[in-house]
Amino acid sequence: MENNPWVAPIADQLQVGISHVIDYIRTDTYNLYSRHVAAKGAPHPKTNDKSKKISRRRD
């Protein structure tokens, strides 16, 4: 929990009141985090195939 970036915002909302925590959990920011955790995968590595670029062609 030490390195979790979501602990501080939730703790701040908890100081204001439990209803604010509920509202924060319903926001798009928190939902985006939930989808990221559910994906359970690293992004695919980028492919840097630049052999087809016109500027690199040697005629």
PDB file of N, CA and C in Angstrom:
ATOM      1  N   MET A   1       0.814  -1.194   0.000  1.00  0.00           N
ATOM      2  CA  MET A   1       0.000   0.000   0.000  1.00  0.00           C
ATOM      3  C   MET A   1       0.862   1.265   0.000  1.00  0.00           C
ATOM      4  N   GLU A   2       2.144   1.111   0.270  1.00  0.00           N
ATOM      5  CA  GLU A   2       3.010   2.287   0.334  1.00  0.00           C
ATOM      6  C   GLU A   2       3.176   2.955  -1.022  1.00  0.00           C
ATOM      7  N   ASN A   3       3.293   2.160  -2.074  1.00  0.00           N
ATOM      8  CA  ASN A   3       3.535   2.707  -3.401  1.00  0.00           C
ATOM      9  C   ASN A   3       2.262   2.835  -4.228  1.00  0.00           C
ATOM     10  N   ASN A   4       1.119   2.626  -3.623  1.00  0.00           N
ATOM     11  CA  ASN A   4      -0.150   2.698  -4.340  1.00  0.00           C
ATOM     12  C   ASN A   4      -0.570   4.157  -4.504  1.00  0.00           C
ATOM     13  N   PRO A   5      -0.684   4.642  -5.750  1.00  0.00           N
ATOM     14  CA  PRO A   5      -1.034   6.055  -5.964  1.00  0.00           C
ATOM     15  C   PRO A   5      -2.482   6.386  -5.641  1.00  0.00           C
ATOM     16  N   TRP A   6      -3.299   5.389  -5.349  1.00  0.00           N
ATOM     17  CA  TRP A   6      -4.720   5.646  -5.101  1.00  0.00           C
ATOM     18  C   TRP A   6      -5.042   5.790  -3.618  1.00  0.00           C
ATOM     19  N   VAL A   7      -4.087   5.507  -2.752  1.00  0.00           N
ATOM     20  CA  VAL A   7      -4.346   5.588  -1.313  1.00  0.00           C
ATOM     21  C   VAL A   7      -4.545   7.035  -0.872  1.00  0.00           C
ATOM     22  N   ALA A   8      -3.688   7.933  -1.315  1.00  0.00           N
ATOM     23  CA  ALA A   8      -3.771   9.336  -0.885  1.00  0.00           C
ATOM     24  C   ALA A   8      -5.080  10.005  -1.299  1.00  0.00           C
ATOM     25  N   PRO A   9      -5.526   9.890  -2.566  1.00  0.00           N
ATOM     26  CA  PRO A   9      -6.794  10.534  -2.923  1.00  0.00           C
ATOM     27  C   PRO A   9      -7.989   9.972  -2.154  1.00  0.00           C
ATOM     28  N   ILE A  10      -7.992   8.672  -1.928  1.00  0.00           N
ATOM     29  CA  ILE A  10      -9.103   8.076  -1.179  1.00  0.00           C
ATOM     30  C   ILE A  10      -9.045   8.518   0.275  1.00  0.00           C
ATOM     31  N   ALA A  11      -7.848   8.609   0.849  1.00  0.00           N
ATOM     32  CA  ALA A  11      -7.708   9.076   2.230  1.00  0.00           C
ATOM     33  C   ALA A  11      -8.168  10.523   2.364  1.00  0.00           C
ATOM     34  N   ASP A  12      -7.856  11.352   1.365  1.00  0.00           N
ATOM     35  CA  ASP A  12      -8.316  12.747   1.390  1.00  0.00           C
ATOM     36  C   ASP A  12      -9.836  12.822   1.372  1.00  0.00           C
ATOM     37  N   GLN A  13     -10.453  11.999   0.547  1.00  0.00           N
ATOM     38  CA  GLN A  13     -11.915  12.001   0.465  1.00  0.00           C
ATOM     39  C   GLN A  13     -12.531  11.457   1.751  1.00  0.00           C
ATOM     40  N   LEU A  14     -11.849  10.526   2.394  1.00  0.00           N
ATOM     41  CA  LEU A  14     -12.351   9.955   3.643  1.00  0.00           C
ATOM     42  C   LEU A  14     -12.351  10.986   4.763  1.00  0.00           C
ATOM     43  N   GLN A  15     -11.387  11.904   4.752  1.00  0.00           N
ATOM     44  CA  GLN A  15     -11.352  12.961   5.761  1.00  0.00           C
ATOM     45  C   GLN A  15     -12.549  13.895   5.625  1.00  0.00           C
ATOM     46  N   VAL A  16     -13.023  14.074   4.390  1.00  0.00           N
ATOM     47  CA  VAL A  16     -14.170  14.953   4.154  1.00  0.00           C
ATOM     48  C   VAL A  16     -15.466  14.253   4.549  1.00  0.00           C
ATOM     49  N   GLY A  17     -15.536  12.962   4.283  1.00  0.00           N
ATOM     50  CA  GLY A  17     -16.734  12.211   4.647  1.00  0.00           C
ATOM     51  C   GLY A  17     -16.867  10.961   3.799  1.00  0.00           C
ATOM     52  N   ILE A  18     -17.599   9.994   4.325  1.00  0.00           N
ATOM     53  CA  ILE A  18     -17.754   8.716   3.632  1.00  0.00           C
ATOM     54  C   ILE A  18     -18.510   8.882   2.318  1.00  0.00           C
ATOM     55  N   SER A  19     -19.418   9.836   2.251  1.00  0.00           N
ATOM     56  CA  SER A  19     -20.162  10.047   1.004  1.00  0.00           C
ATOM     57  C   SER A  19     -19.231  10.525  -0.110  1.00  0.00           C
ATOM     58  N   HIS A  20     -18.191  11.265   0.248  1.00  0.00           N
ATOM     59  CA  HIS A  20     -17.223  11.722  -0.747  1.00  0.00           C
ATOM     60  C   HIS A  20     -16.387  10.554  -1.278  1.00  0.00           C
ATOM     61  N   VAL A  21     -16.122   9.574  -0.426  1.00  0.00           N
ATOM     62  CA  VAL A  21     -15.394   8.381  -0.869  1.00  0.00           C
ATOM     63  C   VAL A  21     -16.237   7.621  -1.887  1.00  0.00           C
ATOM     64  N   ILE A  22     -17.519   7.478  -1.592  1.00  0.00           N
ATOM     65  CA  ILE A  22     -18.427   6.789  -2.516  1.00  0.00           C
ATOM     66  C   ILE A  22     -18.469   7.528  -3.850  1.00  0.00           C
ATOM     67  N   ASP A  23     -18.564   8.860  -3.799  1.00  0.00           N
ATOM     68  CA  ASP A  23     -18.592   9.655  -5.033  1.00  0.00           C
ATOM     69  C   ASP A  23     -17.285   9.509  -5.807  1.00  0.00           C
ATOM     70  N   TYR A  24     -16.163   9.463  -5.099  1.00  0.00           N
ATOM     71  CA  TYR A  24     -14.865   9.325  -5.764  1.00  0.00           C
ATOM     72  C   TYR A  24     -14.753   7.976  -6.467  1.00  0.00           C
ATOM     73  N   ILE A  25     -15.247   6.943  -5.831  1.00  0.00           N
ATOM     74  CA  ILE A  25     -15.185   5.607  -6.426  1.00  0.00           C
ATOM     75  C   ILE A  25     -16.043   5.536  -7.685  1.00  0.00           C
ATOM     76  N   ARG A  26     -17.074   6.345  -7.755  1.00  0.00           N
ATOM     77  CA  ARG A  26     -17.950   6.367  -8.934  1.00  0.00           C
ATOM     78  C   ARG A  26     -17.393   7.209 -10.077  1.00  0.00           C
ATOM     79  N   THR A  27     -16.324   7.953  -9.854  1.00  0.00           N
ATOM     80  CA  THR A  27     -15.797   8.839 -10.894  1.00  0.00           C
ATOM     81  C   THR A  27     -15.104   8.045 -11.999  1.00  0.00           C
ATOM     82  N   ASP A  28     -14.922   8.705 -13.127  1.00  0.00           N
ATOM     83  CA  ASP A  28     -14.258   8.080 -14.271  1.00  0.00           C
ATOM     84  C   ASP A  28     -12.800   7.770 -13.977  1.00  0.00           C
ATOM     85  N   THR A  29     -12.153   8.576 -13.171  1.00  0.00           N
ATOM     86  CA  THR A  29     -10.744   8.352 -12.848  1.00  0.00           C
ATOM     87  C   THR A  29     -10.559   7.008 -12.153  1.00  0.00           C
ATOM     88  N   TYR A  30     -11.380   6.728 -11.167  1.00  0.00           N
ATOM     89  CA  TYR A  30     -11.257   5.472 -10.437  1.00  0.00           C
ATOM     90  C   TYR A  30     -11.689   4.296 -11.309  1.00  0.00           C
ATOM     91  N   ASN A  31     -12.696   4.496 -12.143  1.00  0.00           N
ATOM     92  CA  ASN A  31     -13.134   3.424 -13.039  1.00  0.00           C
ATOM     93  C   ASN A  31     -12.048   3.070 -14.041  1.00  0.00           C
ATOM     94  N   LEU A  32     -11.311   4.058 -14.501  1.00  0.00           N
ATOM     95  CA  LEU A  32     -10.194   3.806 -15.406  1.00  0.00           C
ATOM     96  C   LEU A  32      -9.152   2.929 -14.723  1.00  0.00           C
ATOM     97  N   TYR A  33      -8.877   3.196 -13.451  1.00  0.00           N
ATOM     98  CA  TYR A  33      -7.935   2.379 -12.692  1.00  0.00           C
ATOM     99  C   TYR A  33      -8.448   0.947 -12.573  1.00  0.00           C
ATOM    100  N   SER A  34      -9.733   0.789 -12.317  1.00  0.00           N
ATOM    101  CA  SER A  34     -10.310  -0.547 -12.182  1.00  0.00           C
ATOM    102  C   SER A  34     -10.172  -1.343 -13.475  1.00  0.00           C
ATOM    103  N   ARG A  35     -10.389  -0.683 -14.613  1.00  0.00           N
ATOM    104  CA  ARG A  35     -10.245  -1.370 -15.900  1.00  0.00           C
ATOM    105  C   ARG A  35      -8.789  -1.733 -16.160  1.00  0.00           C
ATOM    106  N   HIS A  36      -7.880  -0.883 -15.747  1.00  0.00           N
ATOM    107  CA  HIS A  36      -6.452  -1.158 -15.929  1.00  0.00           C
ATOM    108  C   HIS A  36      -6.028  -2.379 -15.118  1.00  0.00           C
ATOM    109  N   VAL A  37      -6.499  -2.467 -13.896  1.00  0.00           N
ATOM    110  CA  VAL A  37      -6.158  -3.601 -13.037  1.00  0.00           C
ATOM    111  C   VAL A  37      -6.788  -4.875 -13.591  1.00  0.00           C
ATOM    112  N   ALA A  38      -8.010  -4.782 -14.112  1.00  0.00           N
ATOM    113  CA  ALA A  38      -8.698  -5.955 -14.636  1.00  0.00           C
ATOM    114  C   ALA A  38      -8.040  -6.479 -15.911  1.00  0.00           C
ATOM    115  N   ALA A  39      -7.374  -5.620 -16.650  1.00  0.00           N
ATOM    116  CA  ALA A  39      -6.752  -6.040 -17.910  1.00  0.00           C
ATOM    117  C   ALA A  39      -5.614  -7.031 -17.672  1.00  0.00           C
ATOM    118  N   LYS A  40      -4.889  -6.876 -16.593  1.00  0.00           N
ATOM    119  CA  LYS A  40      -3.811  -7.795 -16.190  1.00  0.00           C
ATOM    120  C   LYS A  40      -2.827  -8.088 -17.309  1.00  0.00           C
ATOM    121  N   GLY A  41      -2.430  -7.098 -17.999  1.00  0.00           N
ATOM    122  CA  GLY A  41      -1.453  -7.342 -19.045  1.00  0.00           C
ATOM    123  C   GLY A  41      -0.646  -6.097 -19.338  1.00  0.00           C
ATOM    124  N   ALA A  42       0.551  -6.329 -19.748  1.00  0.00           N
ATOM    125  CA  ALA A  42       1.398  -5.206 -20.131  1.00  0.00           C
ATOM    126  C   ALA A  42       1.049  -4.804 -21.559  1.00  0.00           C
ATOM    127  N   PRO A  43       1.239  -3.564 -21.879  1.00  0.00           N
ATOM    128  CA  PRO A  43       0.968  -3.155 -23.259  1.00  0.00           C
ATOM    129  C   PRO A  43       1.938  -3.838 -24.220  1.00  0.00           C
ATOM    130  N   HIS A  44       1.471  -4.040 -25.426  1.00  0.00           N
ATOM    131  CA  HIS A  44       2.309  -4.672 -26.431  1.00  0.00           C
ATOM    132  C   HIS A  44       3.479  -3.763 -26.781  1.00  0.00           C
ATOM    133  N   PRO A  45       4.636  -4.343 -27.014  1.00  0.00           N
ATOM    134  CA  PRO A  45       5.779  -3.496 -27.384  1.00  0.00           C
ATOM    135  C   PRO A  45       5.552  -2.868 -28.757  1.00  0.00           C
ATOM    136  N   LYS A  46       6.041  -1.667 -28.905  1.00  0.00           N
ATOM    137  CA  LYS A  46       5.902  -0.976 -30.178  1.00  0.00           C
ATOM    138  C   LYS A  46       6.839  -1.608 -31.195  1.00  0.00           C
ATOM    139  N   THR A  47       6.354  -1.673 -32.412  1.00  0.00           N
ATOM    140  CA  THR A  47       7.208  -2.162 -33.484  1.00  0.00           C
ATOM    141  C   THR A  47       7.736  -0.963 -34.246  1.00  0.00           C
ATOM    142  N   ASN A  48       9.011  -0.933 -34.411  1.00  0.00           N
ATOM    143  CA  ASN A  48       9.655   0.188 -35.086  1.00  0.00           C
ATOM    144  C   ASN A  48      10.179  -0.238 -36.451  1.00  0.00           C
ATOM    145  N   ASP A  49       9.325  -0.850 -37.243  1.00  0.00           N
ATOM    146  CA  ASP A  49       9.719  -1.259 -38.585  1.00  0.00           C
ATOM    147  C   ASP A  49       9.613  -0.059 -39.508  1.00  0.00           C
ATOM    148  N   LYS A  50      10.727   0.550 -39.748  1.00  0.00           N
ATOM    149  CA  LYS A  50      10.747   1.751 -40.580  1.00  0.00           C
ATOM    150  C   LYS A  50      11.325   1.461 -41.958  1.00  0.00           C
ATOM    151  N   SER A  51      11.404   0.189 -42.306  1.00  0.00           N
ATOM    152  CA  SER A  51      11.980  -0.171 -43.597  1.00  0.00           C
ATOM    153  C   SER A  51      11.099   0.255 -44.763  1.00  0.00           C
ATOM    154  N   LYS A  52       9.819   0.470 -44.532  1.00  0.00           N
ATOM    155  CA  LYS A  52       8.904   0.837 -45.607  1.00  0.00           C
ATOM    156  C   LYS A  52       8.754   2.344 -45.777  1.00  0.00           C
ATOM    157  N   LYS A  53       9.446   3.101 -44.993  1.00  0.00           N
ATOM    158  CA  LYS A  53       9.349   4.553 -45.120  1.00  0.00           C
ATOM    159  C   LYS A  53       9.997   5.009 -46.422  1.00  0.00           C
ATOM    160  N   ILE A  54       9.362   5.931 -47.086  1.00  0.00           N
ATOM    161  CA  ILE A  54       9.867   6.440 -48.360  1.00  0.00           C
ATOM    162  C   ILE A  54      11.231   7.102 -48.183  1.00  0.00           C
ATOM    163  N   SER A  55      11.415   7.796 -47.092  1.00  0.00           N
ATOM    164  CA  SER A  55      12.676   8.507 -46.879  1.00  0.00           C
ATOM    165  C   SER A  55      13.855   7.557 -46.665  1.00  0.00           C
ATOM    166  N   ARG A  56      13.591   6.299 -46.358  1.00  0.00           N
ATOM    167  CA  ARG A  56      14.663   5.333 -46.119  1.00  0.00           C
ATOM    168  C   ARG A  56      14.964   4.465 -47.339  1.00  0.00           C
ATOM    169  N   ARG A  57      14.165   4.588 -48.379  1.00  0.00           N
ATOM    170  CA  ARG A  57      14.379   3.765 -49.571  1.00  0.00           C
ATOM    171  C   ARG A  57      15.659   4.155 -50.287  1.00  0.00           C
ATOM    172  N   ARG A  58      16.346   3.152 -50.746  1.00  0.00           N
ATOM    173  CA  ARG A  58      17.562   3.352 -51.533  1.00  0.00           C
ATOM    174  C   ARG A  58      17.315   2.763 -52.918  1.00  0.00           C
ATOM    175  N   ASP A  59      17.150   3.605 -53.894  1.00  0.00           N
ATOM    176  CA  ASP A  59      16.882   3.123 -55.259  1.00  0.00           C
ATOM    177  C   ASP A  59      18.137   2.951 -56.054  1.00  0.00           C
TER     178      ASP A  59
END
